[in-house]
Amino acid sequence: MQELSIYAVLFLMLIGHTLLAGKMYRKVHENSTLSLRQKNDWKLKALIFPAYYWFEYKKLSQ
């Protein structure tokens, strides 16, 4: 039973990671002020660690 709980938590973390990375990916793609290289850099960061880089991107875009 404990193993099932661990798998459920890991699954929820994976879903959260995927949703946040997708949200950041869309926001970066819509930003017309960034060059193609900058967009690709932010998109790669979004896939690796989206929670941290989402806040970094928001600070940069303000």
N, C-alpha and C. Protein backbone atom coordinates (compact mmCIF):
# COMPACT_ATOMS: atom_id res chain seq x y z
N MET A 1 0.81 -1.19 0.00
CA MET A 1 0.00 0.00 0.00
C MET A 1 0.86 1.26 0.00
N GLN A 2 1.96 1.21 0.72
CA GLN A 2 2.86 2.35 0.78
C GLN A 2 3.49 2.60 -0.60
N GLU A 3 3.77 1.54 -1.31
CA GLU A 3 4.36 1.65 -2.64
C GLU A 3 3.40 2.35 -3.60
N LEU A 4 2.12 2.05 -3.49
CA LEU A 4 1.11 2.69 -4.32
C LEU A 4 1.04 4.19 -4.03
N SER A 5 1.15 4.56 -2.78
CA SER A 5 1.14 5.98 -2.41
C SER A 5 2.35 6.70 -2.99
N ILE A 6 3.48 6.06 -2.96
CA ILE A 6 4.70 6.66 -3.52
C ILE A 6 4.54 6.85 -5.02
N TYR A 7 4.01 5.86 -5.70
CA TYR A 7 3.79 5.97 -7.14
C TYR A 7 2.80 7.07 -7.47
N ALA A 8 1.77 7.22 -6.65
CA ALA A 8 0.76 8.26 -6.88
C ALA A 8 1.38 9.65 -6.73
N VAL A 9 2.21 9.83 -5.72
CA VAL A 9 2.87 11.12 -5.52
C VAL A 9 3.83 11.41 -6.67
N LEU A 10 4.59 10.42 -7.09
CA LEU A 10 5.51 10.61 -8.21
C LEU A 10 4.75 10.94 -9.50
N PHE A 11 3.63 10.31 -9.70
CA PHE A 11 2.82 10.59 -10.88
C PHE A 11 2.29 12.02 -10.86
N LEU A 12 1.81 12.47 -9.71
CA LEU A 12 1.32 13.84 -9.59
C LEU A 12 2.44 14.86 -9.80
N MET A 13 3.64 14.56 -9.32
CA MET A 13 4.78 15.44 -9.55
C MET A 13 5.14 15.50 -11.03
N LEU A 14 5.07 14.38 -11.70
CA LEU A 14 5.37 14.33 -13.12
C LEU A 14 4.33 15.11 -13.93
N ILE A 15 3.08 14.97 -13.58
CA ILE A 15 2.02 15.72 -14.27
C ILE A 15 2.20 17.22 -14.04
N GLY A 16 2.50 17.62 -12.82
CA GLY A 16 2.74 19.03 -12.50
C GLY A 16 3.92 19.59 -13.28
N HIS A 17 4.99 18.81 -13.34
CA HIS A 17 6.18 19.21 -14.09
C HIS A 17 5.83 19.41 -15.56
N THR A 18 5.08 18.50 -16.12
CA THR A 18 4.71 18.57 -17.53
C THR A 18 3.81 19.77 -17.82
N LEU A 19 2.84 20.01 -16.97
CA LEU A 19 1.93 21.14 -17.17
C LEU A 19 2.66 22.48 -17.06
N LEU A 20 3.53 22.61 -16.08
CA LEU A 20 4.27 23.86 -15.91
C LEU A 20 5.25 24.08 -17.05
N ALA A 21 5.90 23.02 -17.50
CA ALA A 21 6.82 23.14 -18.64
C ALA A 21 6.05 23.54 -19.89
N GLY A 22 4.88 22.98 -20.10
CA GLY A 22 4.07 23.34 -21.26
C GLY A 22 3.60 24.78 -21.21
N LYS A 23 3.23 25.24 -20.02
CA LYS A 23 2.79 26.63 -19.86
C LYS A 23 3.94 27.59 -20.17
N MET A 24 5.10 27.29 -19.64
CA MET A 24 6.26 28.16 -19.90
C MET A 24 6.65 28.11 -21.37
N TYR A 25 6.58 26.95 -21.95
CA TYR A 25 6.92 26.78 -23.37
C TYR A 25 6.02 27.67 -24.23
N ARG A 26 4.73 27.69 -23.95
CA ARG A 26 3.79 28.53 -24.71
C ARG A 26 4.08 30.01 -24.52
N LYS A 27 4.34 30.43 -23.28
CA LYS A 27 4.62 31.84 -23.01
C LYS A 27 5.89 32.30 -23.72
N VAL A 28 6.92 31.47 -23.70
CA VAL A 28 8.17 31.83 -24.39
C VAL A 28 7.93 31.89 -25.89
N HIS A 29 7.18 30.97 -26.42
CA HIS A 29 6.92 30.93 -27.85
C HIS A 29 6.14 32.17 -28.31
N GLU A 30 5.26 32.69 -27.48
CA GLU A 30 4.46 33.87 -27.82
C GLU A 30 5.25 35.17 -27.72
N ASN A 31 6.37 35.17 -27.01
CA ASN A 31 7.15 36.39 -26.80
C ASN A 31 7.89 36.75 -28.08
N SER A 32 7.49 37.86 -28.70
CA SER A 32 8.10 38.25 -29.98
C SER A 32 9.38 39.07 -29.80
N THR A 33 9.71 39.45 -28.57
CA THR A 33 10.92 40.24 -28.34
C THR A 33 12.17 39.37 -28.24
N LEU A 34 12.00 38.07 -28.06
CA LEU A 34 13.15 37.18 -27.93
C LEU A 34 13.61 36.69 -29.30
N SER A 35 14.91 36.51 -29.43
CA SER A 35 15.45 35.92 -30.66
C SER A 35 15.20 34.42 -30.65
N LEU A 36 15.41 33.79 -31.78
CA LEU A 36 15.20 32.34 -31.87
C LEU A 36 16.11 31.59 -30.91
N ARG A 37 17.34 32.04 -30.79
CA ARG A 37 18.28 31.39 -29.87
C ARG A 37 17.83 31.52 -28.42
N GLN A 38 17.34 32.71 -28.05
CA GLN A 38 16.86 32.92 -26.68
C GLN A 38 15.62 32.08 -26.40
N LYS A 39 14.72 32.01 -27.38
CA LYS A 39 13.53 31.19 -27.21
C LYS A 39 13.90 29.74 -27.00
N ASN A 40 14.81 29.23 -27.80
CA ASN A 40 15.24 27.83 -27.67
C ASN A 40 15.90 27.59 -26.32
N ASP A 41 16.67 28.56 -25.85
CA ASP A 41 17.33 28.43 -24.55
C ASP A 41 16.30 28.35 -23.42
N TRP A 42 15.30 29.23 -23.45
CA TRP A 42 14.27 29.21 -22.42
C TRP A 42 13.42 27.96 -22.50
N LYS A 43 13.14 27.50 -23.71
CA LYS A 43 12.34 26.27 -23.85
C LYS A 43 13.08 25.06 -23.30
N LEU A 44 14.38 25.00 -23.52
CA LEU A 44 15.17 23.90 -22.96
C LEU A 44 15.18 23.96 -21.45
N LYS A 45 15.32 25.17 -20.91
CA LYS A 45 15.29 25.32 -19.45
C LYS A 45 13.93 24.89 -18.90
N ALA A 46 12.86 25.19 -19.64
CA ALA A 46 11.52 24.81 -19.20
C ALA A 46 11.37 23.30 -19.12
N LEU A 47 12.02 22.58 -19.99
CA LEU A 47 11.92 21.12 -19.97
C LEU A 47 12.73 20.50 -18.83
N ILE A 48 13.80 21.18 -18.43
CA ILE A 48 14.68 20.62 -17.40
C ILE A 48 14.15 20.89 -15.99
N PHE A 49 13.88 22.15 -15.68
CA PHE A 49 13.46 22.52 -14.33
C PHE A 49 12.50 23.69 -14.41
N PRO A 50 11.25 23.44 -14.77
CA PRO A 50 10.32 24.52 -15.09
C PRO A 50 9.96 25.42 -13.91
N ALA A 51 9.87 24.91 -12.72
CA ALA A 51 9.44 25.74 -11.59
C ALA A 51 10.42 26.87 -11.33
N TYR A 52 11.69 26.58 -11.29
CA TYR A 52 12.71 27.60 -11.03
C TYR A 52 12.79 28.60 -12.18
N TYR A 53 12.87 28.09 -13.39
CA TYR A 53 13.06 28.97 -14.53
C TYR A 53 11.80 29.76 -14.89
N TRP A 54 10.63 29.31 -14.47
CA TRP A 54 9.42 30.09 -14.69
C TRP A 54 9.53 31.42 -13.94
N PHE A 55 9.98 31.38 -12.70
CA PHE A 55 10.13 32.62 -11.91
C PHE A 55 11.27 33.47 -12.46
N GLU A 56 12.33 32.85 -12.93
CA GLU A 56 13.42 33.61 -13.55
C GLU A 56 12.96 34.30 -14.82
N TYR A 57 12.17 33.61 -15.62
CA TYR A 57 11.64 34.18 -16.85
C TYR A 57 10.69 35.33 -16.55
N LYS A 58 9.85 35.18 -15.54
CA LYS A 58 8.92 36.24 -15.17
C LYS A 58 9.67 37.49 -14.70
N LYS A 59 10.76 37.31 -13.94
CA LYS A 59 11.56 38.47 -13.51
C LYS A 59 12.19 39.16 -14.71
N LEU A 60 12.64 38.39 -15.67
CA LEU A 60 13.29 38.95 -16.86
C LEU A 60 12.29 39.69 -17.75
N SER A 61 11.08 39.17 -17.86
CA SER A 61 10.11 39.75 -18.79
C SER A 61 9.39 40.97 -18.21
N GLN A 62 9.55 41.25 -16.93
CA GLN A 62 8.87 42.42 -16.34
C GLN A 62 9.64 43.67 -16.51
